[in-house]
N, C-alpha and C. Protein backbone atom coordinates (compact mmCIF):
# COMPACT_ATOMS: atom_id res chain seq x y z
N MET A 1 -4.82 -147.00 -41.83
CA MET A 1 -3.58 -147.54 -41.36
C MET A 1 -3.55 -149.06 -41.52
N LEU A 2 -4.66 -149.70 -41.28
CA LEU A 2 -4.76 -151.14 -41.39
C LEU A 2 -4.55 -151.59 -42.83
N LEU A 3 -5.01 -150.82 -43.79
CA LEU A 3 -4.90 -151.15 -45.20
C LEU A 3 -3.44 -151.18 -45.66
N SER A 4 -2.64 -150.26 -45.20
CA SER A 4 -1.25 -150.22 -45.63
C SER A 4 -0.44 -151.39 -45.06
N THR A 5 -0.72 -151.83 -43.87
CA THR A 5 0.02 -152.96 -43.31
C THR A 5 -0.38 -154.26 -43.99
N SER A 6 -1.64 -154.41 -44.38
CA SER A 6 -2.04 -155.63 -45.07
C SER A 6 -1.46 -155.67 -46.48
N THR A 7 -1.33 -154.53 -47.11
CA THR A 7 -0.71 -154.48 -48.44
C THR A 7 0.76 -154.82 -48.36
N ALA A 8 1.43 -154.32 -47.36
CA ALA A 8 2.85 -154.62 -47.18
C ALA A 8 3.03 -156.10 -46.85
N GLY A 9 2.15 -156.66 -46.06
CA GLY A 9 2.22 -158.07 -45.72
C GLY A 9 1.95 -158.94 -46.94
N GLY A 10 1.03 -158.52 -47.81
CA GLY A 10 0.72 -159.26 -49.03
C GLY A 10 1.88 -159.24 -50.00
N ALA A 11 2.58 -158.13 -50.09
CA ALA A 11 3.73 -158.03 -50.98
C ALA A 11 4.87 -158.90 -50.47
N GLY A 12 5.04 -158.95 -49.16
CA GLY A 12 6.07 -159.81 -48.57
C GLY A 12 5.77 -161.27 -48.79
N ALA A 13 4.50 -161.63 -48.67
CA ALA A 13 4.10 -163.02 -48.89
C ALA A 13 4.29 -163.40 -50.35
N MET A 14 3.98 -162.47 -51.25
CA MET A 14 4.15 -162.73 -52.69
C MET A 14 5.63 -162.90 -53.02
N LEU A 15 6.47 -162.08 -52.41
CA LEU A 15 7.91 -162.18 -52.65
C LEU A 15 8.45 -163.51 -52.11
N SER A 16 7.93 -163.95 -50.99
CA SER A 16 8.40 -165.21 -50.42
C SER A 16 7.97 -166.41 -51.27
N LEU A 17 6.95 -166.25 -52.08
CA LEU A 17 6.53 -167.31 -53.00
C LEU A 17 7.28 -167.27 -54.33
N VAL A 18 7.53 -166.08 -54.82
CA VAL A 18 8.16 -165.91 -56.14
C VAL A 18 9.66 -166.14 -56.09
N LEU A 19 10.30 -165.72 -55.03
CA LEU A 19 11.75 -165.83 -54.94
C LEU A 19 12.25 -167.28 -55.03
N PRO A 20 11.67 -168.23 -54.29
CA PRO A 20 12.13 -169.63 -54.45
C PRO A 20 11.90 -170.18 -55.85
N LEU A 21 10.79 -169.79 -56.47
CA LEU A 21 10.55 -170.24 -57.85
C LEU A 21 11.60 -169.69 -58.81
N ALA A 22 11.93 -168.43 -58.65
CA ALA A 22 12.95 -167.83 -59.52
C ALA A 22 14.31 -168.49 -59.30
N VAL A 23 14.65 -168.76 -58.07
CA VAL A 23 15.91 -169.45 -57.76
C VAL A 23 15.90 -170.85 -58.36
N PHE A 24 14.77 -171.54 -58.27
CA PHE A 24 14.65 -172.89 -58.83
C PHE A 24 14.86 -172.87 -60.34
N PHE A 25 14.22 -171.92 -61.03
CA PHE A 25 14.36 -171.86 -62.49
C PHE A 25 15.77 -171.47 -62.90
N LEU A 26 16.42 -170.60 -62.18
CA LEU A 26 17.81 -170.26 -62.46
C LEU A 26 18.72 -171.47 -62.25
N LEU A 27 18.48 -172.20 -61.19
CA LEU A 27 19.25 -173.40 -60.91
C LEU A 27 19.06 -174.44 -62.02
N MET A 28 17.83 -174.62 -62.45
CA MET A 28 17.54 -175.57 -63.54
C MET A 28 18.26 -175.15 -64.82
N TYR A 29 18.27 -173.85 -65.11
CA TYR A 29 18.93 -173.36 -66.31
C TYR A 29 20.42 -173.68 -66.27
N PHE A 30 21.07 -173.37 -65.16
CA PHE A 30 22.52 -173.56 -65.09
C PHE A 30 22.92 -175.02 -64.89
N MET A 31 22.04 -175.85 -64.38
CA MET A 31 22.37 -177.26 -64.15
C MET A 31 21.99 -178.16 -65.33
N ILE A 32 20.96 -177.81 -66.09
CA ILE A 32 20.46 -178.70 -67.13
C ILE A 32 20.54 -178.08 -68.52
N MET A 33 19.89 -176.95 -68.71
CA MET A 33 19.76 -176.39 -70.06
C MET A 33 21.07 -175.86 -70.63
N ARG A 34 21.83 -175.15 -69.84
CA ARG A 34 23.08 -174.56 -70.33
C ARG A 34 24.10 -175.62 -70.73
N PRO A 35 24.36 -176.65 -69.91
CA PRO A 35 25.30 -177.69 -70.34
C PRO A 35 24.83 -178.44 -71.58
N GLN A 36 23.52 -178.63 -71.72
CA GLN A 36 23.00 -179.32 -72.90
C GLN A 36 23.24 -178.48 -74.15
N LYS A 37 23.03 -177.18 -74.07
CA LYS A 37 23.29 -176.30 -75.21
C LYS A 37 24.77 -176.28 -75.56
N LYS A 38 25.65 -176.29 -74.55
CA LYS A 38 27.08 -176.30 -74.81
C LYS A 38 27.49 -177.60 -75.50
N GLU A 39 26.91 -178.73 -75.08
CA GLU A 39 27.21 -180.02 -75.71
C GLU A 39 26.71 -180.05 -77.16
N GLN A 40 25.52 -179.51 -77.41
CA GLN A 40 25.01 -179.45 -78.77
C GLN A 40 25.91 -178.59 -79.65
N GLN A 41 26.42 -177.50 -79.13
CA GLN A 41 27.32 -176.63 -79.89
C GLN A 41 28.64 -177.34 -80.17
N ARG A 42 29.14 -178.11 -79.18
CA ARG A 42 30.39 -178.85 -79.38
C ARG A 42 30.23 -179.90 -80.48
N VAL A 43 29.11 -180.61 -80.48
CA VAL A 43 28.87 -181.63 -81.50
C VAL A 43 28.71 -180.98 -82.87
N LYS A 44 28.02 -179.86 -82.93
CA LYS A 44 27.84 -179.14 -84.19
C LYS A 44 29.19 -178.69 -84.76
N ASN A 45 30.05 -178.15 -83.90
CA ASN A 45 31.38 -177.72 -84.35
C ASN A 45 32.23 -178.91 -84.78
N MET A 46 32.13 -180.04 -84.07
CA MET A 46 32.89 -181.24 -84.41
C MET A 46 32.48 -181.75 -85.79
N LEU A 47 31.17 -181.80 -86.05
CA LEU A 47 30.69 -182.29 -87.33
C LEU A 47 31.03 -181.33 -88.47
N ALA A 48 31.06 -180.04 -88.18
CA ALA A 48 31.41 -179.06 -89.20
C ALA A 48 32.90 -179.11 -89.55
N ALA A 49 33.73 -179.56 -88.61
CA ALA A 49 35.18 -179.57 -88.82
C ALA A 49 35.68 -180.90 -89.40
N MET A 50 34.79 -181.85 -89.68
CA MET A 50 35.22 -183.15 -90.23
C MET A 50 35.79 -182.97 -91.63
N GLU A 51 36.82 -183.75 -91.92
CA GLU A 51 37.44 -183.73 -93.24
C GLU A 51 37.64 -185.16 -93.71
N VAL A 52 37.78 -185.31 -95.01
CA VAL A 52 38.06 -186.63 -95.58
C VAL A 52 39.39 -187.13 -95.02
N GLY A 53 39.41 -188.39 -94.58
CA GLY A 53 40.61 -188.98 -94.01
C GLY A 53 40.60 -189.04 -92.50
N ASP A 54 39.66 -188.34 -91.86
CA ASP A 54 39.56 -188.38 -90.40
C ASP A 54 39.03 -189.73 -89.95
N THR A 55 39.48 -190.18 -88.79
CA THR A 55 38.97 -191.40 -88.19
C THR A 55 37.78 -191.03 -87.32
N VAL A 56 36.69 -191.80 -87.46
CA VAL A 56 35.47 -191.51 -86.71
C VAL A 56 35.02 -192.74 -85.93
N VAL A 57 34.25 -192.49 -84.89
CA VAL A 57 33.57 -193.54 -84.15
C VAL A 57 32.08 -193.24 -84.29
N THR A 58 31.32 -194.24 -84.72
CA THR A 58 29.88 -194.04 -84.88
C THR A 58 29.18 -194.20 -83.53
N THR A 59 27.91 -193.83 -83.50
CA THR A 59 27.14 -193.96 -82.26
C THR A 59 26.96 -195.42 -81.88
N SER A 60 27.09 -196.34 -82.83
CA SER A 60 26.98 -197.76 -82.52
C SER A 60 28.32 -198.38 -82.15
N GLY A 61 29.41 -197.58 -82.18
CA GLY A 61 30.70 -198.05 -81.71
C GLY A 61 31.66 -198.53 -82.77
N PHE A 62 31.33 -198.37 -84.05
CA PHE A 62 32.22 -198.80 -85.12
C PHE A 62 33.25 -197.72 -85.43
N TYR A 63 34.49 -198.14 -85.67
CA TYR A 63 35.56 -197.23 -86.07
C TYR A 63 35.68 -197.27 -87.58
N GLY A 64 35.91 -196.11 -88.19
CA GLY A 64 36.07 -196.06 -89.63
C GLY A 64 36.77 -194.79 -90.05
N VAL A 65 37.01 -194.68 -91.37
CA VAL A 65 37.68 -193.53 -91.95
C VAL A 65 36.72 -192.86 -92.91
N LEU A 66 36.64 -191.52 -92.85
CA LEU A 66 35.76 -190.79 -93.75
C LEU A 66 36.31 -190.82 -95.17
N ILE A 67 35.46 -191.20 -96.12
CA ILE A 67 35.85 -191.25 -97.53
C ILE A 67 35.25 -190.08 -98.30
N ASN A 68 34.01 -189.71 -97.96
CA ASN A 68 33.34 -188.62 -98.67
C ASN A 68 32.38 -187.94 -97.70
N ILE A 69 32.21 -186.62 -97.86
CA ILE A 69 31.32 -185.85 -96.99
C ILE A 69 30.41 -185.01 -97.87
N THR A 70 29.09 -185.09 -97.61
CA THR A 70 28.11 -184.23 -98.28
C THR A 70 27.42 -183.37 -97.22
N GLU A 71 26.35 -182.68 -97.61
CA GLU A 71 25.64 -181.80 -96.67
C GLU A 71 25.18 -182.54 -95.41
N GLU A 72 24.45 -183.65 -95.58
CA GLU A 72 23.88 -184.35 -94.43
C GLU A 72 24.46 -185.73 -94.22
N ASP A 73 25.15 -186.28 -95.21
CA ASP A 73 25.63 -187.65 -95.14
C ASP A 73 27.14 -187.72 -95.25
N VAL A 74 27.68 -188.85 -94.82
CA VAL A 74 29.10 -189.16 -94.99
C VAL A 74 29.21 -190.60 -95.47
N ILE A 75 30.31 -190.93 -96.12
CA ILE A 75 30.61 -192.31 -96.46
C ILE A 75 31.82 -192.71 -95.64
N VAL A 76 31.63 -193.78 -94.85
CA VAL A 76 32.66 -194.24 -93.93
C VAL A 76 33.14 -195.60 -94.39
N GLU A 77 34.46 -195.77 -94.37
CA GLU A 77 35.08 -197.03 -94.76
C GLU A 77 35.48 -197.79 -93.50
N PHE A 78 34.99 -199.03 -93.37
CA PHE A 78 35.24 -199.84 -92.19
C PHE A 78 36.13 -201.02 -92.54
N GLY A 79 36.85 -201.52 -91.57
CA GLY A 79 37.60 -202.76 -91.70
C GLY A 79 38.98 -202.59 -92.29
N ASN A 80 39.78 -203.67 -92.18
CA ASN A 80 41.16 -203.65 -92.67
C ASN A 80 41.25 -203.83 -94.18
N ASN A 81 40.31 -204.55 -94.77
CA ASN A 81 40.40 -204.82 -96.20
C ASN A 81 39.87 -203.68 -97.05
N ARG A 82 39.31 -202.65 -96.45
CA ARG A 82 38.84 -201.44 -97.12
C ARG A 82 37.76 -201.72 -98.18
N ASN A 83 37.00 -202.79 -98.01
CA ASN A 83 35.94 -203.10 -98.95
C ASN A 83 34.56 -202.72 -98.43
N CYS A 84 34.48 -202.30 -97.21
CA CYS A 84 33.19 -202.00 -96.60
C CYS A 84 33.03 -200.49 -96.49
N ARG A 85 32.27 -199.91 -97.41
CA ARG A 85 31.99 -198.47 -97.40
C ARG A 85 30.49 -198.29 -97.19
N ILE A 86 30.13 -197.57 -96.15
CA ILE A 86 28.72 -197.42 -95.79
C ILE A 86 28.37 -195.94 -95.70
N PRO A 87 27.33 -195.53 -96.44
CA PRO A 87 26.84 -194.15 -96.26
C PRO A 87 26.01 -194.05 -94.99
N MET A 88 26.16 -192.96 -94.27
CA MET A 88 25.38 -192.75 -93.04
C MET A 88 25.21 -191.26 -92.80
N ARG A 89 24.27 -190.93 -91.94
CA ARG A 89 24.02 -189.55 -91.57
C ARG A 89 25.16 -189.01 -90.71
N LYS A 90 25.39 -187.71 -90.80
CA LYS A 90 26.40 -187.09 -89.95
C LYS A 90 26.05 -187.22 -88.48
N SER A 91 24.77 -187.25 -88.18
CA SER A 91 24.34 -187.34 -86.78
C SER A 91 24.70 -188.68 -86.15
N ALA A 92 25.10 -189.67 -86.96
CA ALA A 92 25.51 -190.98 -86.44
C ALA A 92 26.97 -191.00 -86.02
N ILE A 93 27.67 -189.88 -86.18
CA ILE A 93 29.07 -189.79 -85.79
C ILE A 93 29.15 -189.31 -84.34
N ALA A 94 29.81 -190.09 -83.48
CA ALA A 94 29.92 -189.74 -82.07
C ALA A 94 31.23 -189.02 -81.75
N GLU A 95 32.34 -189.43 -82.39
CA GLU A 95 33.65 -188.83 -82.14
C GLU A 95 34.41 -188.73 -83.44
N VAL A 96 35.28 -187.73 -83.52
CA VAL A 96 36.13 -187.53 -84.69
C VAL A 96 37.56 -187.36 -84.21
N GLU A 97 38.47 -188.11 -84.82
CA GLU A 97 39.90 -187.93 -84.55
C GLU A 97 40.53 -187.47 -85.85
N LYS A 98 41.12 -186.29 -85.81
CA LYS A 98 41.70 -185.71 -87.02
C LYS A 98 42.84 -186.58 -87.53
N ALA A 99 42.97 -186.62 -88.84
CA ALA A 99 44.03 -187.42 -89.45
C ALA A 99 45.41 -186.88 -89.08
N SER A 100 45.52 -185.57 -88.89
CA SER A 100 46.81 -184.96 -88.56
C SER A 100 47.19 -185.14 -87.10
N ASP A 101 46.25 -185.52 -86.24
CA ASP A 101 46.54 -185.71 -84.81
C ASP A 101 47.49 -186.86 -84.55
N GLY A 102 47.40 -187.92 -85.33
CA GLY A 102 48.21 -189.10 -85.11
C GLY A 102 49.60 -188.99 -85.71
N ILE A 103 49.88 -187.97 -86.50
CA ILE A 103 51.18 -187.83 -87.16
C ILE A 103 52.07 -186.91 -86.33
N ALA A 104 53.25 -187.39 -85.99
CA ALA A 104 54.21 -186.57 -85.24
C ALA A 104 54.90 -185.63 -86.21
N GLU A 105 54.96 -184.36 -85.82
CA GLU A 105 55.59 -183.36 -86.70
C GLU A 105 56.97 -183.01 -86.21
């Protein structure tokens, strides 16, 4: 009889240790990992939807217009005189504004 009560007590103690850990890991997943994955997916979709003529903002804060797009790189034209064309990685693009967004239909 003594053996069964100690086994039941041990299982209860184990559950009281495991349950807070499981809750902690679930909380970490929903508070940190899931939003980060959603943000990565949003950036991936934004970069995949870029087209020539779109206005972009680089991670360093420069505004420019996309001139050419390749697999990993883009060529961005900066400034009013349109003489400054710089090739850069797609990962250096922070925001994209579609060329059609600014035109009233």
